[in-house]
Structure formats: structure tokens, C-alpha cells
Amino acid sequence: MKNLMMINGVKAFIDYDPDAETFRGEFVGLNGGADFYGESVAQLEAEGAKSLTVFLEMCQERGIEPYKNFSGKFNVRISPDVHARLNEIALSQSISLNAAVENAVNDYIAHSA
């Protein structure tokens, strides 16, 4: 699991590259790429703040929404056996397949935090 850092209210995932002895950060939920690098946590935070500022300024100049909008819809591909079993469980609980999937995803999120 990647480490998470908040920079100016925006989440970023952090990786460490042992070969380069450098941290790499990448912002989450932006409508484009904005990554940053540093050799220490302090440098990573400073570079992340700079990268985010540049990204947001560019978006403003170009009239682009900087943050992704999520519709709440996405396709899920699972095996037919899992699909059938999930459908059975949903029916037995008198809920829709969508509600069953949302419950499973919420449970996954709760146990991943």
C-alpha cells in the first residue's frame, strides 16, 4: 500500500525509489498529472506545494476544472460465478445488485483505511 500525504488539502500518494534514493509523490483526484520529487519528507512537501500551485494556476489560465468529477458509475468485470453468487445474496437481502456492490465497496474502504 502506498503512503498518503496531504499537501494544501489535496491527497497525494507517495512512493520511495531506493535506486534513486528519492521520494515521488503524485496527487490524487486531479484532472491531469501533477507529480513531484524530493530526497526528504520536507523537500517532498515543498516540491509538492510548488507542483500543486503550478497545476492550479495552469488550470485557471486555461479555464479547466482542476479536480476530477466522479459520476458514481463505473463498469466492474468479475467472473460469472461471483456475479451469480452476488446476485443471489442481493436477492436474499431484498436489495439491488448495485446496493450489494456499494455495500461491498464501502466495507472494503472501511477496512483499507
Protein backbone atom coordinates (compact mmCIF):
# COMPACT_ATOMS: atom_id res chain seq x y z
CA MET A 1 0.00 0.00 0.00
CA LYS A 2 1.26 3.47 -0.86
CA ASN A 3 1.71 6.17 1.73
CA LEU A 4 -0.64 9.13 1.70
CA MET A 5 0.34 12.77 2.27
CA MET A 6 -1.90 15.85 2.41
CA ILE A 7 -0.48 18.93 0.70
CA ASN A 8 -2.59 22.09 0.85
CA GLY A 9 -5.71 19.97 1.36
CA VAL A 10 -5.05 17.67 -1.60
CA LYS A 11 -4.14 14.00 -1.18
CA ALA A 12 -1.00 12.61 -2.77
CA PHE A 13 0.32 9.06 -2.89
CA ILE A 14 4.00 8.73 -2.04
CA ASP A 15 6.46 6.09 -3.26
CA TYR A 16 10.12 5.67 -2.47
CA ASP A 17 12.61 4.74 -5.19
CA PRO A 18 15.52 3.06 -3.38
CA ASP A 19 17.71 3.06 -6.51
CA ALA A 20 17.44 6.85 -6.91
CA GLU A 21 17.10 7.39 -3.14
CA THR A 22 14.21 9.74 -3.90
CA PHE A 23 10.60 10.05 -2.85
CA ARG A 24 7.99 10.53 -5.58
CA GLY A 25 4.55 11.99 -4.99
CA GLU A 26 1.52 12.04 -7.24
CA PHE A 27 -1.67 13.96 -6.47
CA VAL A 28 -4.96 12.08 -6.42
CA GLY A 29 -8.20 13.34 -7.92
CA LEU A 30 -6.74 15.99 -10.19
CA ASN A 31 -7.87 16.42 -13.76
CA GLY A 32 -4.32 15.90 -15.01
CA GLY A 33 -0.88 14.85 -13.88
CA ALA A 34 0.97 16.69 -11.17
CA ASP A 35 3.84 14.75 -9.65
CA PHE A 36 6.81 15.85 -7.57
CA TYR A 37 10.07 14.53 -6.14
CA GLY A 38 12.21 15.05 -3.05
CA GLU A 39 15.08 13.47 -1.17
CA SER A 40 13.48 14.12 2.23
CA VAL A 41 9.95 14.48 3.55
CA ALA A 42 10.42 18.23 3.98
CA GLN A 43 11.69 18.61 0.41
CA LEU A 44 8.87 16.41 -0.86
CA GLU A 45 6.27 18.61 0.87
CA ALA A 46 7.84 21.80 -0.50
CA GLU A 47 8.07 20.43 -4.05
CA GLY A 48 4.52 19.09 -3.81
CA ALA A 49 3.21 22.52 -2.80
CA LYS A 50 5.03 24.09 -5.76
CA SER A 51 3.76 21.46 -8.18
CA LEU A 52 0.19 21.87 -6.98
CA THR A 53 0.36 25.67 -7.25
CA VAL A 54 1.65 25.48 -10.83
CA PHE A 55 -1.01 22.93 -11.77
CA LEU A 56 -3.85 25.01 -10.29
CA GLU A 57 -2.57 28.20 -11.95
CA MET A 58 -2.40 26.48 -15.33
CA CYS A 59 -5.94 25.19 -14.92
CA GLN A 60 -7.18 28.66 -14.04
CA GLU A 61 -5.41 30.22 -17.04
CA ARG A 62 -6.90 27.65 -19.40
CA GLY A 63 -10.37 27.58 -17.83
CA ILE A 64 -10.05 23.90 -16.90
CA GLU A 65 -11.68 22.36 -13.83
CA PRO A 66 -8.67 21.17 -11.78
CA TYR A 67 -10.44 18.34 -9.93
CA LYS A 68 -11.95 15.21 -11.43
CA ASN A 69 -15.69 14.83 -11.22
CA PHE A 70 -16.86 11.34 -10.39
CA SER A 71 -20.26 10.29 -11.74
CA GLY A 72 -20.70 7.34 -9.42
CA LYS A 73 -20.86 4.99 -12.39
CA PHE A 74 -18.19 2.51 -13.46
CA ASN A 75 -18.05 -0.92 -15.05
CA VAL A 76 -16.99 -3.87 -12.97
CA ARG A 77 -15.75 -7.09 -14.53
CA ILE A 78 -15.99 -10.17 -12.35
CA SER A 79 -16.29 -13.87 -13.02
CA PRO A 80 -19.74 -15.19 -13.90
CA ASP A 81 -19.70 -17.35 -10.74
CA VAL A 82 -19.06 -14.33 -8.50
CA HIS A 83 -21.70 -12.34 -10.38
CA ALA A 84 -24.28 -15.12 -9.87
CA ARG A 85 -23.45 -15.52 -6.17
CA LEU A 86 -23.59 -11.77 -5.56
CA ASN A 87 -26.96 -11.62 -7.29
CA GLU A 88 -28.27 -14.44 -5.07
CA ILE A 89 -27.09 -12.65 -1.93
CA ALA A 90 -28.61 -9.35 -3.06
CA LEU A 91 -31.95 -11.03 -3.80
CA SER A 92 -31.92 -12.85 -0.45
CA GLN A 93 -31.46 -9.47 1.28
CA SER A 94 -34.08 -7.73 -0.90
CA ILE A 95 -31.55 -5.22 -2.20
CA SER A 96 -30.40 -4.40 -5.69
CA LEU A 97 -27.18 -5.69 -7.19
CA ASN A 98 -25.92 -2.09 -7.17
CA ALA A 99 -26.64 -1.79 -3.44
CA ALA A 100 -24.82 -5.07 -2.80
CA VAL A 101 -21.77 -3.86 -4.73
CA GLU A 102 -21.84 -0.50 -2.93
CA ASN A 103 -22.02 -2.29 0.44
CA ALA A 104 -19.05 -4.46 -0.51
CA VAL A 105 -17.05 -1.45 -1.70
CA ASN A 106 -17.87 0.51 1.48
CA ASP A 107 -16.73 -2.46 3.56
CA TYR A 108 -13.50 -2.65 1.55
CA ILE A 109 -12.91 1.08 2.06
CA ALA A 110 -13.59 0.84 5.80
CA HIS A 111 -11.07 -1.97 6.18
CA SER A 112 -8.44 -0.32 3.98
CA ALA A 113 -8.19 2.99 5.84
